[in-house]
Amino acid sequence: MKSINILYAFLGGAIVGCSAALLLAPEKGSDVRARICDIVRRKGIKISDAEVDALVAELSRAEE
């Protein structure tokens, strides 16, 4: 396996892990969604509140 594939696998796992940690943290859902929006926007990605809600819903379904 190429080392770049290992790096991509690691980064993908880190992103999923961070997302799960944020969603499972003992904070209000609206606070967590606002933090996700802030983090993503600081990275230069344009995302709407509806898209964040859809992402949260998709990640919640994946846990079940």
PDB file of N, CA and C in Angstrom:
ATOM      1  N   MET A   1       0.854  -1.167   0.000  1.00  0.00           N
ATOM      2  CA  MET A   1       0.000   0.000   0.000  1.00  0.00           C
ATOM      3  C   MET A   1       0.904   1.236   0.000  1.00  0.00           C
ATOM      4  N   LYS A   2       0.540   2.191  -0.776  1.00  0.00           N
ATOM      5  CA  LYS A   2       1.322   3.425  -0.839  1.00  0.00           C
ATOM      6  C   LYS A   2       1.181   4.204   0.459  1.00  0.00           C
ATOM      7  N   SER A   3       2.235   4.912   0.802  1.00  0.00           N
ATOM      8  CA  SER A   3       2.212   5.679   2.049  1.00  0.00           C
ATOM      9  C   SER A   3       1.174   6.798   2.002  1.00  0.00           C
ATOM     10  N   ILE A   4       0.882   7.326   0.813  1.00  0.00           N
ATOM     11  CA  ILE A   4      -0.131   8.386   0.699  1.00  0.00           C
ATOM     12  C   ILE A   4      -1.518   7.842   1.033  1.00  0.00           C
ATOM     13  N   ASN A   5      -1.799   6.588   0.677  1.00  0.00           N
ATOM     14  CA  ASN A   5      -3.089   5.982   1.019  1.00  0.00           C
ATOM     15  C   ASN A   5      -3.222   5.816   2.526  1.00  0.00           C
ATOM     16  N   ILE A   6      -2.125   5.466   3.178  1.00  0.00           N
ATOM     17  CA  ILE A   6      -2.146   5.334   4.628  1.00  0.00           C
ATOM     18  C   ILE A   6      -2.419   6.694   5.271  1.00  0.00           C
ATOM     19  N   LEU A   7      -1.805   7.723   4.722  1.00  0.00           N
ATOM     20  CA  LEU A   7      -2.024   9.077   5.241  1.00  0.00           C
ATOM     21  C   LEU A   7      -3.482   9.489   5.075  1.00  0.00           C
ATOM     22  N   TYR A   8      -4.056   9.225   3.900  1.00  0.00           N
ATOM     23  CA  TYR A   8      -5.462   9.564   3.671  1.00  0.00           C
ATOM     24  C   TYR A   8      -6.370   8.781   4.617  1.00  0.00           C
ATOM     25  N   ALA A   9      -6.073   7.520   4.832  1.00  0.00           N
ATOM     26  CA  ALA A   9      -6.873   6.708   5.750  1.00  0.00           C
ATOM     27  C   ALA A   9      -6.790   7.277   7.169  1.00  0.00           C
ATOM     28  N   PHE A  10      -5.600   7.665   7.574  1.00  0.00           N
ATOM     29  CA  PHE A  10      -5.421   8.245   8.908  1.00  0.00           C
ATOM     30  C   PHE A  10      -6.199   9.549   9.040  1.00  0.00           C
ATOM     31  N   LEU A  11      -6.069  10.430   8.056  1.00  0.00           N
ATOM     32  CA  LEU A  11      -6.774  11.718   8.108  1.00  0.00           C
ATOM     33  C   LEU A  11      -8.289  11.527   8.099  1.00  0.00           C
ATOM     34  N   GLY A  12      -8.768  10.597   7.282  1.00  0.00           N
ATOM     35  CA  GLY A  12     -10.207  10.320   7.244  1.00  0.00           C
ATOM     36  C   GLY A  12     -10.710   9.812   8.587  1.00  0.00           C
ATOM     37  N   GLY A  13      -9.950   8.919   9.202  1.00  0.00           N
ATOM     38  CA  GLY A  13     -10.320   8.406  10.517  1.00  0.00           C
ATOM     39  C   GLY A  13     -10.296   9.491  11.575  1.00  0.00           C
ATOM     40  N   ALA A  14      -9.320  10.390  11.474  1.00  0.00           N
ATOM     41  CA  ALA A  14      -9.228  11.489  12.438  1.00  0.00           C
ATOM     42  C   ALA A  14     -10.432  12.414  12.313  1.00  0.00           C
ATOM     43  N   ILE A  15     -10.841  12.697  11.091  1.00  0.00           N
ATOM     44  CA  ILE A  15     -11.996  13.581  10.879  1.00  0.00           C
ATOM     45  C   ILE A  15     -13.267  12.944  11.432  1.00  0.00           C
ATOM     46  N   VAL A  16     -13.464  11.665  11.140  1.00  0.00           N
ATOM     47  CA  VAL A  16     -14.654  10.972  11.649  1.00  0.00           C
ATOM     48  C   VAL A  16     -14.618  10.913  13.174  1.00  0.00           C
ATOM     49  N   GLY A  17     -13.456  10.631  13.737  1.00  0.00           N
ATOM     50  CA  GLY A  17     -13.332  10.565  15.190  1.00  0.00           C
ATOM     51  C   GLY A  17     -13.610  11.894  15.859  1.00  0.00           C
ATOM     52  N   CYS A  18     -13.082  12.965  15.281  1.00  0.00           N
ATOM     53  CA  CYS A  18     -13.335  14.299  15.841  1.00  0.00           C
ATOM     54  C   CYS A  18     -14.806  14.665  15.743  1.00  0.00           C
ATOM     55  N   SER A  19     -15.420  14.324  14.626  1.00  0.00           N
ATOM     56  CA  SER A  19     -16.848  14.617  14.461  1.00  0.00           C
ATOM     57  C   SER A  19     -17.676  13.862  15.494  1.00  0.00           C
ATOM     58  N   ALA A  20     -17.366  12.593  15.685  1.00  0.00           N
ATOM     59  CA  ALA A  20     -18.099  11.794  16.670  1.00  0.00           C
ATOM     60  C   ALA A  20     -17.886  12.341  18.071  1.00  0.00           C
ATOM     61  N   ALA A  21     -16.662  12.744  18.390  1.00  0.00           N
ATOM     62  CA  ALA A  21     -16.385  13.294  19.717  1.00  0.00           C
ATOM     63  C   ALA A  21     -17.176  14.578  19.955  1.00  0.00           C
ATOM     64  N   LEU A  22     -17.242  15.421  18.942  1.00  0.00           N
ATOM     65  CA  LEU A  22     -18.019  16.654  19.088  1.00  0.00           C
ATOM     66  C   LEU A  22     -19.500  16.356  19.284  1.00  0.00           C
ATOM     67  N   LEU A  23     -20.005  15.378  18.547  1.00  0.00           N
ATOM     68  CA  LEU A  23     -21.431  15.070  18.629  1.00  0.00           C
ATOM     69  C   LEU A  23     -21.790  14.368  19.930  1.00  0.00           C
ATOM     70  N   LEU A  24     -20.866  13.647  20.518  1.00  0.00           N
ATOM     71  CA  LEU A  24     -21.148  12.913  21.739  1.00  0.00           C
ATOM     72  C   LEU A  24     -20.765  13.701  22.994  1.00  0.00           C
ATOM     73  N   ALA A  25     -20.202  14.863  22.820  1.00  0.00           N
ATOM     74  CA  ALA A  25     -19.796  15.686  23.962  1.00  0.00           C
ATOM     75  C   ALA A  25     -21.034  16.150  24.725  1.00  0.00           C
ATOM     76  N   PRO A  26     -20.904  16.335  26.016  1.00  0.00           N
ATOM     77  CA  PRO A  26     -22.068  16.732  26.818  1.00  0.00           C
ATOM     78  C   PRO A  26     -22.372  18.231  26.715  1.00  0.00           C
ATOM     79  N   GLU A  27     -22.688  18.678  25.526  1.00  0.00           N
ATOM     80  CA  GLU A  27     -23.067  20.066  25.297  1.00  0.00           C
ATOM     81  C   GLU A  27     -24.412  20.081  24.590  1.00  0.00           C
ATOM     82  N   LYS A  28     -25.031  21.252  24.603  1.00  0.00           N
ATOM     83  CA  LYS A  28     -26.286  21.397  23.879  1.00  0.00           C
ATOM     84  C   LYS A  28     -26.026  21.222  22.385  1.00  0.00           C
ATOM     85  N   GLY A  29     -26.968  20.632  21.699  1.00  0.00           N
ATOM     86  CA  GLY A  29     -26.832  20.401  20.269  1.00  0.00           C
ATOM     87  C   GLY A  29     -26.611  21.670  19.472  1.00  0.00           C
ATOM     88  N   SER A  30     -27.299  22.730  19.844  1.00  0.00           N
ATOM     89  CA  SER A  30     -27.140  23.991  19.109  1.00  0.00           C
ATOM     90  C   SER A  30     -25.733  24.554  19.287  1.00  0.00           C
ATOM     91  N   ASP A  31     -25.158  24.383  20.484  1.00  0.00           N
ATOM     92  CA  ASP A  31     -23.785  24.844  20.719  1.00  0.00           C
ATOM     93  C   ASP A  31     -22.788  24.049  19.879  1.00  0.00           C
ATOM     94  N   VAL A  32     -23.007  22.736  19.807  1.00  0.00           N
ATOM     95  CA  VAL A  32     -22.110  21.887  19.023  1.00  0.00           C
ATOM     96  C   VAL A  32     -22.209  22.233  17.541  1.00  0.00           C
ATOM     97  N   ARG A  33     -23.420  22.433  17.053  1.00  0.00           N
ATOM     98  CA  ARG A  33     -23.599  22.794  15.644  1.00  0.00           C
ATOM     99  C   ARG A  33     -22.922  24.126  15.331  1.00  0.00           C
ATOM    100  N   ALA A  34     -23.035  25.073  16.242  1.00  0.00           N
ATOM    101  CA  ALA A  34     -22.394  26.381  16.043  1.00  0.00           C
ATOM    102  C   ALA A  34     -20.876  26.220  16.005  1.00  0.00           C
ATOM    103  N   ARG A  35     -20.328  25.369  16.868  1.00  0.00           N
ATOM    104  CA  ARG A  35     -18.883  25.130  16.867  1.00  0.00           C
ATOM    105  C   ARG A  35     -18.441  24.482  15.565  1.00  0.00           C
ATOM    106  N   ILE A  36     -19.227  23.521  15.072  1.00  0.00           N
ATOM    107  CA  ILE A  36     -18.891  22.872  13.800  1.00  0.00           C
ATOM    108  C   ILE A  36     -18.877  23.911  12.688  1.00  0.00           C
ATOM    109  N   CYS A  37     -19.881  24.768  12.643  1.00  0.00           N
ATOM    110  CA  CYS A  37     -19.938  25.823  11.618  1.00  0.00           C
ATOM    111  C   CYS A  37     -18.719  26.728  11.701  1.00  0.00           C
ATOM    112  N   ASP A  38     -18.367  27.141  12.902  1.00  0.00           N
ATOM    113  CA  ASP A  38     -17.215  28.030  13.074  1.00  0.00           C
ATOM    114  C   ASP A  38     -15.928  27.371  12.600  1.00  0.00           C
ATOM    115  N   ILE A  39     -15.719  26.126  12.984  1.00  0.00           N
ATOM    116  CA  ILE A  39     -14.494  25.409  12.604  1.00  0.00           C
ATOM    117  C   ILE A  39     -14.407  25.261  11.091  1.00  0.00           C
ATOM    118  N   VAL A  40     -15.513  24.848  10.486  1.00  0.00           N
ATOM    119  CA  VAL A  40     -15.516  24.625   9.040  1.00  0.00           C
ATOM    120  C   VAL A  40     -15.325  25.935   8.290  1.00  0.00           C
ATOM    121  N   ARG A  41     -15.959  26.989   8.746  1.00  0.00           N
ATOM    122  CA  ARG A  41     -15.833  28.287   8.075  1.00  0.00           C
ATOM    123  C   ARG A  41     -14.428  28.857   8.207  1.00  0.00           C
ATOM    124  N   ARG A  42     -13.769  28.617   9.357  1.00  0.00           N
ATOM    125  CA  ARG A  42     -12.386  29.070   9.517  1.00  0.00           C
ATOM    126  C   ARG A  42     -11.449  28.361   8.544  1.00  0.00           C
ATOM    127  N   LYS A  43     -11.820  27.160   8.132  1.00  0.00           N
ATOM    128  CA  LYS A  43     -11.021  26.413   7.167  1.00  0.00           C
ATOM    129  C   LYS A  43     -11.308  26.857   5.735  1.00  0.00           C
ATOM    130  N   GLY A  44     -12.218  27.793   5.566  1.00  0.00           N
ATOM    131  CA  GLY A  44     -12.507  28.329   4.242  1.00  0.00           C
ATOM    132  C   GLY A  44     -13.598  27.593   3.489  1.00  0.00           C
ATOM    133  N   ILE A  45     -14.333  26.743   4.180  1.00  0.00           N
ATOM    134  CA  ILE A  45     -15.412  25.983   3.540  1.00  0.00           C
ATOM    135  C   ILE A  45     -16.728  26.688   3.825  1.00  0.00           C
ATOM    136  N   LYS A  46     -17.452  26.982   2.768  1.00  0.00           N
ATOM    137  CA  LYS A  46     -18.747  27.634   2.930  1.00  0.00           C
ATOM    138  C   LYS A  46     -19.793  26.558   3.200  1.00  0.00           C
ATOM    139  N   ILE A  47     -20.492  26.695   4.306  1.00  0.00           N
ATOM    140  CA  ILE A  47     -21.507  25.707   4.698  1.00  0.00           C
ATOM    141  C   ILE A  47     -22.667  26.440   5.360  1.00  0.00           C
ATOM    142  N   SER A  48     -23.856  25.993   5.070  1.00  0.00           N
ATOM    143  CA  SER A  48     -25.035  26.616   5.660  1.00  0.00           C
ATOM    144  C   SER A  48     -25.460  25.832   6.907  1.00  0.00           C
ATOM    145  N   ASP A  49     -26.315  26.455   7.684  1.00  0.00           N
ATOM    146  CA  ASP A  49     -26.826  25.782   8.880  1.00  0.00           C
ATOM    147  C   ASP A  49     -27.594  24.517   8.507  1.00  0.00           C
ATOM    148  N   ALA A  50     -28.315  24.556   7.409  1.00  0.00           N
ATOM    149  CA  ALA A  50     -29.067  23.384   6.963  1.00  0.00           C
ATOM    150  C   ALA A  50     -28.129  22.238   6.603  1.00  0.00           C
ATOM    151  N   GLU A  51     -26.995  22.561   5.988  1.00  0.00           N
ATOM    152  CA  GLU A  51     -26.023  21.523   5.640  1.00  0.00           C
ATOM    153  C   GLU A  51     -25.397  20.910   6.895  1.00  0.00           C
ATOM    154  N   VAL A  52     -25.167  21.720   7.907  1.00  0.00           N
ATOM    155  CA  VAL A  52     -24.642  21.193   9.169  1.00  0.00           C
ATOM    156  C   VAL A  52     -25.679  20.277   9.815  1.00  0.00           C
ATOM    157  N   ASP A  53     -26.934  20.691   9.803  1.00  0.00           N
ATOM    158  CA  ASP A  53     -27.998  19.853  10.357  1.00  0.00           C
ATOM    159  C   ASP A  53     -28.074  18.516   9.618  1.00  0.00           C
ATOM    160  N   ALA A  54     -27.928  18.545   8.292  1.00  0.00           N
ATOM    161  CA  ALA A  54     -27.954  17.310   7.508  1.00  0.00           C
ATOM    162  C   ALA A  54     -26.760  16.420   7.859  1.00  0.00           C
ATOM    163  N   LEU A  55     -25.597  17.025   8.052  1.00  0.00           N
ATOM    164  CA  LEU A  55     -24.415  16.269   8.440  1.00  0.00           C
ATOM    165  C   LEU A  55     -24.604  15.613   9.798  1.00  0.00           C
ATOM    166  N   VAL A  56     -25.137  16.352  10.746  1.00  0.00           N
ATOM    167  CA  VAL A  56     -25.389  15.811  12.083  1.00  0.00           C
ATOM    168  C   VAL A  56     -26.388  14.666  12.012  1.00  0.00           C
ATOM    169  N   ALA A  57     -27.433  14.830  11.235  1.00  0.00           N
ATOM    170  CA  ALA A  57     -28.430  13.766  11.091  1.00  0.00           C
ATOM    171  C   ALA A  57     -27.812  12.516  10.464  1.00  0.00           C
ATOM    172  N   GLU A  58     -26.953  12.709   9.468  1.00  0.00           N
ATOM    173  CA  GLU A  58     -26.310  11.566   8.823  1.00  0.00           C
ATOM    174  C   GLU A  58     -25.380  10.845   9.787  1.00  0.00           C
ATOM    175  N   LEU A  59     -24.624  11.598  10.562  1.00  0.00           N
ATOM    176  CA  LEU A  59     -23.719  10.981  11.529  1.00  0.00           C
ATOM    177  C   LEU A  59     -24.503  10.282  12.633  1.00  0.00           C
ATOM    178  N   SER A  60     -25.650  10.822  13.017  1.00  0.00           N
ATOM    179  CA  SER A  60     -26.479  10.182  14.040  1.00  0.00           C
ATOM    180  C   SER A  60     -27.038   8.861  13.550  1.00  0.00           C
ATOM    181  N   ARG A  61     -27.432   8.817  12.285  1.00  0.00           N
ATOM    182  CA  ARG A  61     -27.929   7.563  11.709  1.00  0.00           C
ATOM    183  C   ARG A  61     -26.824   6.509  11.651  1.00  0.00           C
ATOM    184  N   ALA A  62     -25.596   6.934  11.428  1.00  0.00           N
ATOM    185  CA  ALA A  62     -24.483   5.998  11.319  1.00  0.00           C
ATOM    186  C   ALA A  62     -24.202   5.322  12.654  1.00  0.00           C
ATOM    187  N   GLU A  63     -24.538   5.980  13.768  1.00  0.00           N
ATOM    188  CA  GLU A  63     -24.312   5.412  15.094  1.00  0.00           C
ATOM    189  C   GLU A  63     -25.289   4.300  15.406  1.00  0.00           C
ATOM    190  N   GLU A  64     -26.454   4.330  14.817  1.00  0.00           N
ATOM    191  CA  GLU A  64     -27.514   3.356  15.133  1.00  0.00           C
ATOM    192  C   GLU A  64     -27.255   2.052  14.540  1.00  0.00           C
TER     193      GLU A  64
END
